[in-house]
Protein backbone atom coordinates (compact mmCIF):
# COMPACT_ATOMS: atom_id res chain seq x y z
CA MET A 1 2.07 7.92 -21.91
CA TYR A 2 1.70 5.10 -19.41
CA LYS A 3 -0.35 2.06 -20.38
CA LEU A 4 -2.60 0.59 -17.79
CA LYS A 5 -3.73 -3.00 -18.46
CA VAL A 6 -7.14 -3.79 -16.99
CA LYS A 7 -8.74 -7.16 -16.82
CA ARG A 8 -12.54 -7.41 -16.22
CA LEU A 9 -13.59 -10.08 -13.73
CA SER A 10 -17.20 -9.89 -14.77
CA ASP A 11 -19.07 -8.81 -17.91
CA ASN A 12 -20.72 -5.75 -16.19
CA ALA A 13 -17.48 -4.48 -14.73
CA LYS A 14 -16.65 -0.94 -16.02
CA LEU A 15 -13.17 0.03 -17.01
CA PRO A 16 -11.71 3.14 -15.29
CA GLU A 17 -11.97 6.17 -17.47
CA TYR A 18 -11.01 9.82 -17.55
CA ALA A 19 -14.01 12.17 -17.58
CA HIS A 20 -12.17 15.09 -19.29
CA PRO A 21 -8.96 15.43 -21.28
CA GLY A 22 -6.16 16.49 -18.91
CA ASP A 23 -7.76 15.07 -15.86
CA ALA A 24 -5.18 13.63 -13.34
CA GLY A 25 -7.67 11.03 -11.96
CA MET A 26 -9.72 8.44 -13.83
CA ASP A 27 -13.14 7.37 -12.44
CA VAL A 28 -13.38 4.01 -10.76
CA PHE A 29 -16.76 2.28 -10.70
CA SER A 30 -18.51 -0.09 -8.22
CA ASN A 31 -19.32 -3.55 -9.51
CA GLU A 32 -21.84 -4.31 -6.78
CA GLU A 33 -24.64 -2.92 -4.79
CA LYS A 34 -23.95 -2.26 -1.08
CA LEU A 35 -25.59 -0.20 1.61
CA ILE A 36 -23.23 1.75 3.77
CA ARG A 37 -24.86 2.75 7.04
CA THR A 38 -24.10 6.04 8.58
CA GLY A 39 -20.78 6.01 10.41
CA GLU A 40 -19.73 2.69 8.87
CA SER A 41 -17.26 1.67 6.19
CA ALA A 42 -17.34 -0.99 3.55
CA LEU A 43 -15.00 -2.52 0.94
CA ILE A 44 -16.62 -1.98 -2.53
CA LYS A 45 -15.47 -4.32 -5.33
CA THR A 46 -14.75 -2.84 -8.77
CA GLY A 47 -14.71 -6.09 -10.75
CA ILE A 48 -11.35 -5.32 -12.26
CA THR A 49 -7.73 -6.22 -11.80
CA ILE A 50 -4.87 -4.01 -13.08
CA GLU A 51 -1.26 -4.33 -14.36
CA LEU A 52 0.53 -1.13 -13.64
CA PRO A 53 3.44 0.12 -15.58
CA ALA A 54 6.94 -0.50 -14.14
CA ASN A 55 8.00 1.81 -11.27
CA SER A 56 4.40 3.27 -10.74
CA GLU A 57 1.58 3.01 -8.20
CA ALA A 58 -2.10 3.68 -8.46
CA GLN A 59 -3.50 6.15 -5.73
CA VAL A 60 -7.14 5.64 -4.97
CA ARG A 61 -8.68 8.97 -3.91
CA PRO A 62 -12.21 10.27 -2.96
CA ARG A 63 -14.51 11.90 -5.49
CA SER A 64 -15.09 15.45 -4.44
CA GLY A 65 -18.70 15.55 -5.45
CA LEU A 66 -19.56 12.31 -3.54
CA ALA A 67 -17.76 13.66 -0.46
CA LEU A 68 -19.35 17.02 -0.57
CA LYS A 69 -22.94 15.99 -1.53
CA GLU A 70 -23.21 12.64 0.25
CA GLY A 71 -20.45 12.57 2.91
CA ILE A 72 -19.00 9.41 1.32
CA THR A 73 -15.22 9.35 1.08
CA VAL A 74 -12.28 6.91 0.81
CA LEU A 75 -11.24 5.83 4.27
CA ASN A 76 -7.51 5.20 3.68
CA THR A 77 -6.95 8.08 1.28
CA PRO A 78 -5.02 7.88 -0.73
CA GLY A 79 -5.08 4.03 -0.92
CA THR A 80 -2.10 2.67 -2.65
CA ILE A 81 -2.21 -0.12 -5.28
CA ASP A 82 1.34 -1.49 -5.64
CA GLU A 83 2.77 -2.42 -9.05
CA GLY A 84 3.02 -6.08 -8.26
CA TYR A 85 -0.64 -6.42 -6.95
CA ARG A 86 -2.89 -8.49 -9.19
CA GLY A 87 -6.05 -8.98 -7.04
CA GLU A 88 -9.34 -7.28 -7.54
CA VAL A 89 -9.24 -3.49 -7.03
CA GLY A 90 -11.33 -2.67 -3.91
CA VAL A 91 -12.10 0.71 -2.47
CA ILE A 92 -12.77 1.30 1.19
CA LEU A 93 -15.51 3.87 1.51
CA ILE A 94 -16.84 5.47 4.73
CA ASN A 95 -20.19 7.19 5.28
CA HIS A 96 -19.69 10.36 7.27
CA SER A 97 -23.22 11.53 6.64
CA LYS A 98 -26.34 11.20 8.90
CA LYS A 99 -28.11 8.86 6.52
CA ASP A 100 -27.48 5.48 5.06
CA PHE A 101 -26.09 5.51 1.49
CA LEU A 102 -26.63 2.93 -1.18
CA ILE A 103 -23.76 2.20 -3.58
CA THR A 104 -25.13 0.86 -6.84
CA ALA A 105 -23.39 -1.25 -9.56
CA GLY A 106 -21.86 1.19 -12.15
CA MET A 107 -21.67 4.10 -9.79
CA LYS A 108 -18.53 6.31 -9.75
CA ILE A 109 -17.07 5.72 -6.34
CA ALA A 110 -13.43 6.93 -6.49
CA GLN A 111 -10.66 8.35 -8.55
CA MET A 112 -7.39 6.57 -9.53
CA VAL A 113 -4.30 8.46 -10.23
CA ILE A 114 -1.26 6.65 -11.72
CA SER A 115 2.02 8.04 -10.30
CA PRO A 116 5.72 7.25 -10.57
CA VAL A 117 7.37 5.57 -7.65
CA TYR A 118 10.97 6.20 -6.53
CA GLN A 119 12.52 3.54 -4.17
CA ALA A 120 15.15 4.84 -1.84
CA GLU A 121 18.12 3.18 -0.31
CA VAL A 122 17.95 3.61 3.37
CA ILE A 123 21.11 4.93 4.91
CA GLU A 124 21.49 5.29 8.73
CA VAL A 125 23.46 8.48 9.70
CA ASP A 126 24.49 10.12 12.76
CA GLU A 127 23.41 13.64 11.78
CA LEU A 128 21.16 15.23 9.22
CA SER A 129 21.83 18.48 7.30
CA ASP A 130 20.44 21.78 8.71
CA THR A 131 17.57 23.59 7.07
CA HIS A 132 15.96 26.96 7.68
CA ARG A 133 12.79 25.13 8.92
CA GLY A 134 14.69 22.82 11.08
CA GLU A 135 12.41 20.79 13.39
CA GLY A 136 9.37 23.05 12.97
CA GLY A 137 6.35 20.88 12.46
CA PHE A 138 2.60 21.33 12.95
CA GLY A 139 1.72 25.07 13.23
CA SER A 140 5.37 26.19 12.74
CA THR A 141 4.33 28.67 10.11
CA GLY A 142 1.91 30.50 12.52
CA HIS A 143 -1.27 29.30 10.75
């Protein structure tokens, strides 16, 4: 099991937590109150910094309930937190709804998934191998 080291930047900051055994993502909480007006985005501070395990990243993803019920989602989903980053974790939220939305301190605002990272050596070649799909892209399956 990976170990995620978390440092609180304030006493009221909440540590990320899994809601249920087996969940892929842990809940991430706001550490501030901020109004996000309709159609606007905002950086929400969490009040924590993290130290990821070697060869991993944290992916910040939307919470489905917040997206469905309130139209609030993560703007750059998934947001990536690199292994070497030691600054405060922030979540960029956007309000797609038709009403302003108040983020409150302690509110669940996103999910964070810890995933392995594979770095690749980039090799320039003259040709790539053929595949059945070939260059078929958007809509290539007929759907």
